[in-house]
Amino acid sequence: LQRALVDEEGLSTILCDIEARINARPLTYLSEDPKDPEVLTPYHFLTGTNFMDLPEVNPEDEEWVPRVTTTSELRKVWSYHQRLIALWWKRWKT
């Protein structure tokens, strides 16, 4: 992330995505045989499953106030975060 400018919420989002990618990686080799058992990931040990549920958002909650109010702003922020995540992923793989 080096000198990327993100607010606290953006950094939290990026770090959660990175955490999810790390915890979803297989711990064993991937088999192409559908009869083989499901490959183990860190999620299996953390949650008992390989699926990560997203938290429910309640717009009625007083603490839930979206900072981005327009579609174009949301796309811009999302695109920026995706570029930062892709940069991290590229560095992680090499």
PDB file of N, CA and C in Angstrom:
ATOM      1  N   LEU A   1       0.821  -1.189   0.000  1.00  0.00           N
ATOM      2  CA  LEU A   1       0.000   0.000   0.000  1.00  0.00           C
ATOM      3  C   LEU A   1       0.867   1.255   0.000  1.00  0.00           C
ATOM      4  N   GLN A   2       2.052   1.132   0.459  1.00  0.00           N
ATOM      5  CA  GLN A   2       3.038   2.208   0.475  1.00  0.00           C
ATOM      6  C   GLN A   2       2.432   3.563   0.786  1.00  0.00           C
ATOM      7  N   ARG A   3       2.376   4.449  -0.194  1.00  0.00           N
ATOM      8  CA  ARG A   3       1.916   5.823   0.045  1.00  0.00           C
ATOM      9  C   ARG A   3       0.486   6.053  -0.422  1.00  0.00           C
ATOM     10  N   ALA A   4      -0.278   5.012  -0.552  1.00  0.00           N
ATOM     11  CA  ALA A   4      -1.669   5.150  -0.987  1.00  0.00           C
ATOM     12  C   ALA A   4      -2.456   5.943   0.046  1.00  0.00           C
ATOM     13  N   LEU A   5      -3.301   6.824  -0.439  1.00  0.00           N
ATOM     14  CA  LEU A   5      -4.117   7.641   0.453  1.00  0.00           C
ATOM     15  C   LEU A   5      -5.494   7.013   0.598  1.00  0.00           C
ATOM     16  N   VAL A   6      -5.734   6.436   1.758  1.00  0.00           N
ATOM     17  CA  VAL A   6      -7.051   5.870   2.058  1.00  0.00           C
ATOM     18  C   VAL A   6      -7.435   6.284   3.469  1.00  0.00           C
ATOM     19  N   ASP A   7      -8.721   6.430   3.682  1.00  0.00           N
ATOM     20  CA  ASP A   7      -9.178   6.754   5.029  1.00  0.00           C
ATOM     21  C   ASP A   7      -9.230   5.475   5.858  1.00  0.00           C
ATOM     22  N   GLU A   8      -9.562   5.607   7.124  1.00  0.00           N
ATOM     23  CA  GLU A   8      -9.573   4.453   8.030  1.00  0.00           C
ATOM     24  C   GLU A   8     -10.539   3.372   7.556  1.00  0.00           C
ATOM     25  N   GLU A   9     -11.711   3.783   7.089  1.00  0.00           N
ATOM     26  CA  GLU A   9     -12.700   2.820   6.611  1.00  0.00           C
ATOM     27  C   GLU A   9     -12.199   2.097   5.363  1.00  0.00           C
ATOM     28  N   GLY A  10     -11.560   2.829   4.462  1.00  0.00           N
ATOM     29  CA  GLY A  10     -11.006   2.222   3.254  1.00  0.00           C
ATOM     30  C   GLY A  10      -9.899   1.241   3.579  1.00  0.00           C
ATOM     31  N   LEU A  11      -9.022   1.620   4.508  1.00  0.00           N
ATOM     32  CA  LEU A  11      -7.939   0.731   4.917  1.00  0.00           C
ATOM     33  C   LEU A  11      -8.502  -0.538   5.540  1.00  0.00           C
ATOM     34  N   SER A  12      -9.515  -0.389   6.368  1.00  0.00           N
ATOM     35  CA  SER A  12     -10.155  -1.551   6.983  1.00  0.00           C
ATOM     36  C   SER A  12     -10.737  -2.476   5.917  1.00  0.00           C
ATOM     37  N   THR A  13     -11.379  -1.901   4.915  1.00  0.00           N
ATOM     38  CA  THR A  13     -11.951  -2.693   3.823  1.00  0.00           C
ATOM     39  C   THR A  13     -10.865  -3.451   3.077  1.00  0.00           C
ATOM     40  N   ILE A  14      -9.783  -2.769   2.755  1.00  0.00           N
ATOM     41  CA  ILE A  14      -8.686  -3.393   2.020  1.00  0.00           C
ATOM     42  C   ILE A  14      -8.057  -4.511   2.843  1.00  0.00           C
ATOM     43  N   LEU A  15      -7.801  -4.259   4.117  1.00  0.00           N
ATOM     44  CA  LEU A  15      -7.189  -5.283   4.969  1.00  0.00           C
ATOM     45  C   LEU A  15      -8.107  -6.485   5.155  1.00  0.00           C
ATOM     46  N   CYS A  16      -9.413  -6.253   5.244  1.00  0.00           N
ATOM     47  CA  CYS A  16     -10.361  -7.374   5.347  1.00  0.00           C
ATOM     48  C   CYS A  16     -10.347  -8.210   4.081  1.00  0.00           C
ATOM     49  N   ASP A  17     -10.242  -7.571   2.931  1.00  0.00           N
ATOM     50  CA  ASP A  17     -10.177  -8.302   1.666  1.00  0.00           C
ATOM     51  C   ASP A  17      -8.898  -9.127   1.595  1.00  0.00           C
ATOM     52  N   ILE A  18      -7.783  -8.532   2.002  1.00  0.00           N
ATOM     53  CA  ILE A  18      -6.509  -9.256   2.015  1.00  0.00           C
ATOM     54  C   ILE A  18      -6.585 -10.441   2.974  1.00  0.00           C
ATOM     55  N   GLU A  19      -7.150 -10.225   4.150  1.00  0.00           N
ATOM     56  CA  GLU A  19      -7.319 -11.308   5.121  1.00  0.00           C
ATOM     57  C   GLU A  19      -8.159 -12.436   4.535  1.00  0.00           C
ATOM     58  N   ALA A  20      -9.231 -12.082   3.843  1.00  0.00           N
ATOM     59  CA  ALA A  20     -10.099 -13.092   3.239  1.00  0.00           C
ATOM     60  C   ALA A  20      -9.348 -13.889   2.177  1.00  0.00           C
ATOM     61  N   ARG A  21      -8.543 -13.215   1.365  1.00  0.00           N
ATOM     62  CA  ARG A  21      -7.779 -13.921   0.328  1.00  0.00           C
ATOM     63  C   ARG A  21      -6.760 -14.883   0.941  1.00  0.00           C
ATOM     64  N   ILE A  22      -6.105 -14.442   2.008  1.00  0.00           N
ATOM     65  CA  ILE A  22      -5.122 -15.308   2.663  1.00  0.00           C
ATOM     66  C   ILE A  22      -5.813 -16.514   3.290  1.00  0.00           C
ATOM     67  N   ASN A  23      -6.932 -16.296   3.958  1.00  0.00           N
ATOM     68  CA  ASN A  23      -7.628 -17.388   4.635  1.00  0.00           C
ATOM     69  C   ASN A  23      -8.387 -18.302   3.685  1.00  0.00           C
ATOM     70  N   ALA A  24      -8.557 -17.899   2.439  1.00  0.00           N
ATOM     71  CA  ALA A  24      -9.258 -18.743   1.469  1.00  0.00           C
ATOM     72  C   ALA A  24      -8.292 -19.590   0.642  1.00  0.00           C
ATOM     73  N   ARG A  25      -7.008 -19.380   0.794  1.00  0.00           N
ATOM     74  CA  ARG A  25      -6.052 -20.142  -0.015  1.00  0.00           C
ATOM     75  C   ARG A  25      -6.014 -21.591   0.464  1.00  0.00           C
ATOM     76  N   PRO A  26      -5.804 -22.508  -0.446  1.00  0.00           N
ATOM     77  CA  PRO A  26      -5.757 -23.918  -0.045  1.00  0.00           C
ATOM     78  C   PRO A  26      -4.486 -24.234   0.736  1.00  0.00           C
ATOM     79  N   LEU A  27      -4.620 -25.125   1.706  1.00  0.00           N
ATOM     80  CA  LEU A  27      -3.468 -25.571   2.487  1.00  0.00           C
ATOM     81  C   LEU A  27      -2.877 -26.855   1.925  1.00  0.00           C
ATOM     82  N   THR A  28      -3.597 -27.477   1.020  1.00  0.00           N
ATOM     83  CA  THR A  28      -3.139 -28.701   0.365  1.00  0.00           C
ATOM     84  C   THR A  28      -3.267 -28.513  -1.136  1.00  0.00           C
ATOM     85  N   TYR A  29      -2.826 -29.494  -1.889  1.00  0.00           N
ATOM     86  CA  TYR A  29      -2.924 -29.366  -3.344  1.00  0.00           C
ATOM     87  C   TYR A  29      -4.379 -29.488  -3.780  1.00  0.00           C
ATOM     88  N   LEU A  30      -4.682 -28.880  -4.903  1.00  0.00           N
ATOM     89  CA  LEU A  30      -6.033 -28.929  -5.461  1.00  0.00           C
ATOM     90  C   LEU A  30      -6.137 -30.106  -6.414  1.00  0.00           C
ATOM     91  N   SER A  31      -7.115 -30.930  -6.204  1.00  0.00           N
ATOM     92  CA  SER A  31      -7.345 -32.076  -7.065  1.00  0.00           C
ATOM     93  C   SER A  31      -8.450 -31.746  -8.059  1.00  0.00           C
ATOM     94  N   GLU A  32      -8.337 -32.283  -9.247  1.00  0.00           N
ATOM     95  CA  GLU A  32      -9.380 -32.080 -10.252  1.00  0.00           C
ATOM     96  C   GLU A  32     -10.457 -33.154 -10.161  1.00  0.00           C
ATOM     97  N   ASP A  33     -10.251 -34.139  -9.310  1.00  0.00           N
ATOM     98  CA  ASP A  33     -11.223 -35.217  -9.155  1.00  0.00           C
ATOM     99  C   ASP A  33     -12.357 -34.757  -8.243  1.00  0.00           C
ATOM    100  N   PRO A  34     -13.600 -34.706  -8.753  1.00  0.00           N
ATOM    101  CA  PRO A  34     -14.715 -34.245  -7.916  1.00  0.00           C
ATOM    102  C   PRO A  34     -15.023 -35.173  -6.743  1.00  0.00           C
ATOM    103  N   LYS A  35     -14.512 -36.399  -6.768  1.00  0.00           N
ATOM    104  CA  LYS A  35     -14.748 -37.342  -5.675  1.00  0.00           C
ATOM    105  C   LYS A  35     -13.826 -37.084  -4.485  1.00  0.00           C
ATOM    106  N   ASP A  36     -12.756 -36.330  -4.713  1.00  0.00           N
ATOM    107  CA  ASP A  36     -11.836 -36.021  -3.620  1.00  0.00           C
ATOM    108  C   ASP A  36     -12.509 -35.089  -2.623  1.00  0.00           C
ATOM    109  N   PRO A  37     -12.111 -35.176  -1.357  1.00  0.00           N
ATOM    110  CA  PRO A  37     -12.710 -34.275  -0.360  1.00  0.00           C
ATOM    111  C   PRO A  37     -12.353 -32.819  -0.659  1.00  0.00           C
ATOM    112  N   GLU A  38     -13.133 -31.948  -0.069  1.00  0.00           N
ATOM    113  CA  GLU A  38     -12.902 -30.513  -0.246  1.00  0.00           C
ATOM    114  C   GLU A  38     -11.524 -30.143   0.293  1.00  0.00           C
ATOM    115  N   VAL A  39     -10.833 -29.274  -0.419  1.00  0.00           N
ATOM    116  CA  VAL A  39      -9.500 -28.856   0.000  1.00  0.00           C
ATOM    117  C   VAL A  39      -9.616 -27.990   1.263  1.00  0.00           C
ATOM    118  N   LEU A  40      -8.680 -28.181   2.179  1.00  0.00           N
ATOM    119  CA  LEU A  40      -8.690 -27.423   3.433  1.00  0.00           C
ATOM    120  C   LEU A  40      -8.112 -26.027   3.237  1.00  0.00           C
ATOM    121  N   THR A  41      -8.744 -25.061   3.881  1.00  0.00           N
ATOM    122  CA  THR A  41      -8.264 -23.681   3.895  1.00  0.00           C
ATOM    123  C   THR A  41      -8.209 -23.218   5.350  1.00  0.00           C
ATOM    124  N   PRO A  42      -7.526 -22.120   5.632  1.00  0.00           N
ATOM    125  CA  PRO A  42      -7.556 -21.597   7.002  1.00  0.00           C
ATOM    126  C   PRO A  42      -8.969 -21.304   7.497  1.00  0.00           C
ATOM    127  N   TYR A  43      -9.896 -20.967   6.588  1.00  0.00           N
ATOM    128  CA  TYR A  43     -11.283 -20.734   7.001  1.00  0.00           C
ATOM    129  C   TYR A  43     -11.883 -21.948   7.694  1.00  0.00           C
ATOM    130  N   HIS A  44     -11.514 -23.143   7.238  1.00  0.00           N
ATOM    131  CA  HIS A  44     -12.046 -24.349   7.870  1.00  0.00           C
ATOM    132  C   HIS A  44     -11.694 -24.384   9.357  1.00  0.00           C
ATOM    133  N   PHE A  45     -10.487 -23.956   9.691  1.00  0.00           N
ATOM    134  CA  PHE A  45     -10.051 -23.988  11.083  1.00  0.00           C
ATOM    135  C   PHE A  45     -10.591 -22.802  11.879  1.00  0.00           C
ATOM    136  N   LEU A  46     -10.814 -21.679  11.196  1.00  0.00           N
ATOM    137  CA  LEU A  46     -11.315 -20.481  11.877  1.00  0.00           C
ATOM    138  C   LEU A  46     -12.820 -20.501  12.078  1.00  0.00           C
ATOM    139  N   THR A  47     -13.559 -21.012  11.081  1.00  0.00           N
ATOM    140  CA  THR A  47     -15.020 -20.920  11.123  1.00  0.00           C
ATOM    141  C   THR A  47     -15.730 -22.252  10.963  1.00  0.00           C
ATOM    142  N   GLY A  48     -14.987 -23.295  10.624  1.00  0.00           N
ATOM    143  CA  GLY A  48     -15.623 -24.588  10.397  1.00  0.00           C
ATOM    144  C   GLY A  48     -16.165 -24.737   8.987  1.00  0.00           C
ATOM    145  N   THR A  49     -15.951 -23.754   8.143  1.00  0.00           N
ATOM    146  CA  THR A  49     -16.415 -23.794   6.758  1.00  0.00           C
ATOM    147  C   THR A  49     -15.430 -23.013   5.894  1.00  0.00           C
ATOM    148  N   ASN A  50     -15.568 -23.142   4.579  1.00  0.00           N
ATOM    149  CA  ASN A  50     -14.689 -22.368   3.708  1.00  0.00           C
ATOM    150  C   ASN A  50     -15.378 -21.115   3.197  1.00  0.00           C
ATOM    151  N   PHE A  51     -16.610 -20.909   3.581  1.00  0.00           N
ATOM    152  CA  PHE A  51     -17.385 -19.770   3.112  1.00  0.00           C
ATOM    153  C   PHE A  51     -17.374 -18.675   4.159  1.00  0.00           C
ATOM    154  N   MET A  52     -17.154 -17.450   3.711  1.00  0.00           N
ATOM    155  CA  MET A  52     -17.156 -16.323   4.637  1.00  0.00           C
ATOM    156  C   MET A  52     -18.442 -15.537   4.450  1.00  0.00           C
ATOM    157  N   ASP A  53     -19.276 -15.509   5.470  1.00  0.00           N
ATOM    158  CA  ASP A  53     -20.514 -14.736   5.401  1.00  0.00           C
ATOM    159  C   ASP A  53     -20.213 -13.252   5.560  1.00  0.00           C
ATOM    160  N   LEU A  54     -20.915 -12.441   4.794  1.00  0.00           N
ATOM    161  CA  LEU A  54     -20.800 -10.999   4.942  1.00  0.00           C
ATOM    162  C   LEU A  54     -21.768 -10.535   6.021  1.00  0.00           C
ATOM    163  N   PRO A  55     -21.384  -9.535   6.773  1.00  0.00           N
ATOM    164  CA  PRO A  55     -22.299  -9.051   7.812  1.00  0.00           C
ATOM    165  C   PRO A  55     -23.534  -8.408   7.189  1.00  0.00           C
ATOM    166  N   GLU A  56     -24.636  -8.521   7.896  1.00  0.00           N
ATOM    167  CA  GLU A  56     -25.861  -7.892   7.423  1.00  0.00           C
ATOM    168  C   GLU A  56     -25.789  -6.396   7.679  1.00  0.00           C
ATOM    169  N   VAL A  57     -26.279  -5.625   6.724  1.00  0.00           N
ATOM    170  CA  VAL A  57     -26.310  -4.176   6.868  1.00  0.00           C
ATOM    171  C   VAL A  57     -27.747  -3.752   7.107  1.00  0.00           C
ATOM    172  N   ASN A  58     -27.938  -2.998   8.164  1.00  0.00           N
ATOM    173  CA  ASN A  58     -29.267  -2.499   8.489  1.00  0.00           C
ATOM    174  C   ASN A  58     -29.275  -0.984   8.302  1.00  0.00           C
ATOM    175  N   PRO A  59     -29.877  -0.485   7.210  1.00  0.00           N
ATOM    176  CA  PRO A  59     -29.890   0.960   6.980  1.00  0.00           C
ATOM    177  C   PRO A  59     -30.639   1.740   8.056  1.00  0.00           C
ATOM    178  N   GLU A  60     -31.446   1.052   8.869  1.00  0.00           N
ATOM    179  CA  GLU A  60     -32.162   1.718   9.964  1.00  0.00           C
ATOM    180  C   GLU A  60     -31.249   1.986  11.160  1.00  0.00           C
ATOM    181  N   ASP A  61     -30.102   1.299  11.208  1.00  0.00           N
ATOM    182  CA  ASP A  61     -29.156   1.466  12.305  1.00  0.00           C
ATOM    183  C   ASP A  61     -28.591   2.885  12.273  1.00  0.00           C
ATOM    184  N   GLU A  62     -28.637   3.585  13.391  1.00  0.00           N
ATOM    185  CA  GLU A  62     -28.175   4.970  13.459  1.00  0.00           C
ATOM    186  C   GLU A  62     -26.682   5.099  13.184  1.00  0.00           C
ATOM    187  N   GLU A  63     -25.903   4.056  13.481  1.00  0.00           N
ATOM    188  CA  GLU A  63     -24.463   4.111  13.266  1.00  0.00           C
ATOM    189  C   GLU A  63     -24.079   3.834  11.821  1.00  0.00           C
ATOM    190  N   TRP A  64     -25.001   3.293  11.042  1.00  0.00           N
ATOM    191  CA  TRP A  64     -24.703   2.989   9.641  1.00  0.00           C
ATOM    192  C   TRP A  64     -25.017   4.210   8.797  1.00  0.00           C
ATOM    193  N   VAL A  65     -23.968   4.940   8.458  1.00  0.00           N
ATOM    194  CA  VAL A  65     -24.129   6.127   7.621  1.00  0.00           C
ATOM    195  C   VAL A  65     -23.136   6.010   6.471  1.00  0.00           C
ATOM    196  N   PRO A  66     -23.628   5.783   5.260  1.00  0.00           N
ATOM    197  CA  PRO A  66     -22.695   5.670   4.136  1.00  0.00           C
ATOM    198  C   PRO A  66     -22.024   7.007   3.853  1.00  0.00           C
ATOM    199  N   ARG A  67     -20.711   6.978   3.685  1.00  0.00           N
ATOM    200  CA  ARG A  67     -19.975   8.208   3.386  1.00  0.00           C
ATOM    201  C   ARG A  67     -20.077   8.560   1.909  1.00  0.00           C
ATOM    202  N   VAL A  68     -20.160   7.551   1.079  1.00  0.00           N
ATOM    203  CA  VAL A  68     -20.261   7.773  -0.356  1.00  0.00           C
ATOM    204  C   VAL A  68     -21.736   7.836  -0.703  1.00  0.00           C
ATOM    205  N   THR A  69     -22.126   8.889  -1.381  1.00  0.00           N
ATOM    206  CA  THR A  69     -23.555   9.091  -1.600  1.00  0.00           C
ATOM    207  C   THR A  69     -24.001   8.930  -3.042  1.00  0.00           C
ATOM    208  N   THR A  70     -23.077   8.946  -3.991  1.00  0.00           N
ATOM    209  CA  THR A  70     -23.488   8.789  -5.387  1.00  0.00           C
ATOM    210  C   THR A  70     -22.876   7.536  -5.978  1.00  0.00           C
ATOM    211  N   THR A  71     -23.480   7.060  -7.033  1.00  0.00           N
ATOM    212  CA  THR A  71     -22.982   5.860  -7.701  1.00  0.00           C
ATOM    213  C   THR A  71     -21.582   6.080  -8.246  1.00  0.00           C
ATOM    214  N   SER A  72     -21.329   7.228  -8.839  1.00  0.00           N
ATOM    215  CA  SER A  72     -20.001   7.475  -9.412  1.00  0.00           C
ATOM    216  C   SER A  72     -18.930   7.548  -8.322  1.00  0.00           C
ATOM    217  N   GLU A  73     -19.254   8.134  -7.169  1.00  0.00           N
ATOM    218  CA  GLU A  73     -18.300   8.160  -6.052  1.00  0.00           C
ATOM    219  C   GLU A  73     -18.017   6.749  -5.557  1.00  0.00           C
ATOM    220  N   LEU A  74     -19.060   5.957  -5.440  1.00  0.00           N
ATOM    221  CA  LEU A  74     -18.903   4.585  -4.973  1.00  0.00           C
ATOM    222  C   LEU A  74     -18.036   3.784  -5.931  1.00  0.00           C
ATOM    223  N   ARG A  75     -18.273   3.922  -7.224  1.00  0.00           N
ATOM    224  CA  ARG A  75     -17.458   3.207  -8.220  1.00  0.00           C
ATOM    225  C   ARG A  75     -16.004   3.655  -8.166  1.00  0.00           C
ATOM    226  N   LYS A  76     -15.790   4.939  -7.976  1.00  0.00           N
ATOM    227  CA  LYS A  76     -14.437   5.479  -7.909  1.00  0.00           C
ATOM    228  C   LYS A  76     -13.687   4.910  -6.706  1.00  0.00           C
ATOM    229  N   VAL A  77     -14.314   4.914  -5.546  1.00  0.00           N
ATOM    230  CA  VAL A  77     -13.698   4.372  -4.329  1.00  0.00           C
ATOM    231  C   VAL A  77     -13.455   2.877  -4.485  1.00  0.00           C
ATOM    232  N   TRP A  78     -14.443   2.155  -5.002  1.00  0.00           N
ATOM    233  CA  TRP A  78     -14.306   0.708  -5.186  1.00  0.00           C
ATOM    234  C   TRP A  78     -13.161   0.393  -6.143  1.00  0.00           C
ATOM    235  N   SER A  79     -13.087   1.118  -7.249  1.00  0.00           N
ATOM    236  CA  SER A  79     -12.031   0.897  -8.233  1.00  0.00           C
ATOM    237  C   SER A  79     -10.653   1.150  -7.625  1.00  0.00           C
ATOM    238  N   TYR A  80     -10.538   2.202  -6.845  1.00  0.00           N
ATOM    239  CA  TYR A  80      -9.273   2.522  -6.188  1.00  0.00           C
ATOM    240  C   TYR A  80      -8.869   1.410  -5.225  1.00  0.00           C
ATOM    241  N   HIS A  81      -9.801   0.942  -4.425  1.00  0.00           N
ATOM    242  CA  HIS A  81      -9.510  -0.145  -3.481  1.00  0.00           C
ATOM    243  C   HIS A  81      -9.128  -1.421  -4.230  1.00  0.00           C
ATOM    244  N   GLN A  82      -9.801  -1.715  -5.337  1.00  0.00           N
ATOM    245  CA  GLN A  82      -9.479  -2.903  -6.119  1.00  0.00           C
ATOM    246  C   GLN A  82      -8.062  -2.825  -6.681  1.00  0.00           C
ATOM    247  N   ARG A  83      -7.644  -1.639  -7.124  1.00  0.00           N
ATOM    248  CA  ARG A  83      -6.273  -1.478  -7.632  1.00  0.00           C
ATOM    249  C   ARG A  83      -5.257  -1.716  -6.518  1.00  0.00           C
ATOM    250  N   LEU A  84      -5.534  -1.202  -5.318  1.00  0.00           N
ATOM    251  CA  LEU A  84      -4.618  -1.421  -4.195  1.00  0.00           C
ATOM    252  C   LEU A  84      -4.547  -2.897  -3.819  1.00  0.00           C
ATOM    253  N   ILE A  85      -5.680  -3.571  -3.826  1.00  0.00           N
ATOM    254  CA  ILE A  85      -5.713  -5.001  -3.509  1.00  0.00           C
ATOM    255  C   ILE A  85      -4.964  -5.791  -4.572  1.00  0.00           C
ATOM    256  N   ALA A  86      -5.154  -5.448  -5.846  1.00  0.00           N
ATOM    257  CA  ALA A  86      -4.454  -6.138  -6.938  1.00  0.00           C
ATOM    258  C   ALA A  86      -2.947  -5.937  -6.814  1.00  0.00           C
ATOM    259  N   LEU A  87      -2.535  -4.737  -6.440  1.00  0.00           N
ATOM    260  CA  LEU A  87      -1.111  -4.470  -6.235  1.00  0.00           C
ATOM    261  C   LEU A  87      -0.564  -5.323  -5.096  1.00  0.00           C
ATOM    262  N   TRP A  88      -1.296  -5.401  -3.992  1.00  0.00           N
ATOM    263  CA  TRP A  88      -0.862  -6.243  -2.879  1.00  0.00           C
ATOM    264  C   TRP A  88      -0.786  -7.707  -3.315  1.00  0.00           C
ATOM    265  N   TRP A  89      -1.811  -8.179  -4.031  1.00  0.00           N
ATOM    266  CA  TRP A  89      -1.871  -9.577  -4.457  1.00  0.00           C
ATOM    267  C   TRP A  89      -0.694  -9.908  -5.365  1.00  0.00           C
ATOM    268  N   LYS A  90      -0.338  -8.985  -6.260  1.00  0.00           N
ATOM    269  CA  LYS A  90       0.796  -9.192  -7.162  1.00  0.00           C
ATOM    270  C   LYS A  90       2.087  -9.341  -6.363  1.00  0.00           C
ATOM    271  N   ARG A  91       2.265  -8.486  -5.364  1.00  0.00           N
ATOM    272  CA  ARG A  91       3.469  -8.571  -4.528  1.00  0.00           C
ATOM    273  C   ARG A  91       3.477  -9.836  -3.680  1.00  0.00           C
ATOM    274  N   TRP A  92       2.326 -10.240  -3.194  1.00  0.00           N
ATOM    275  CA  TRP A  92       2.219 -11.433  -2.352  1.00  0.00           C
ATOM    276  C   TRP A  92       2.619 -12.678  -3.130  1.00  0.00           C
ATOM    277  N   LYS A  93       2.202 -12.759  -4.405  1.00  0.00           N
ATOM    278  CA  LYS A  93       2.456 -13.949  -5.215  1.00  0.00           C
ATOM    279  C   LYS A  93       3.905 -14.065  -5.649  1.00  0.00           C
ATOM    280  N   THR A  94       4.643 -12.949  -5.695  1.00  0.00           N
ATOM    281  CA  THR A  94       6.027 -13.018  -6.176  1.00  0.00           C
ATOM    282  C   THR A  94       7.011 -13.088  -5.045  1.00  0.00           C
TER     283      THR A  94
END
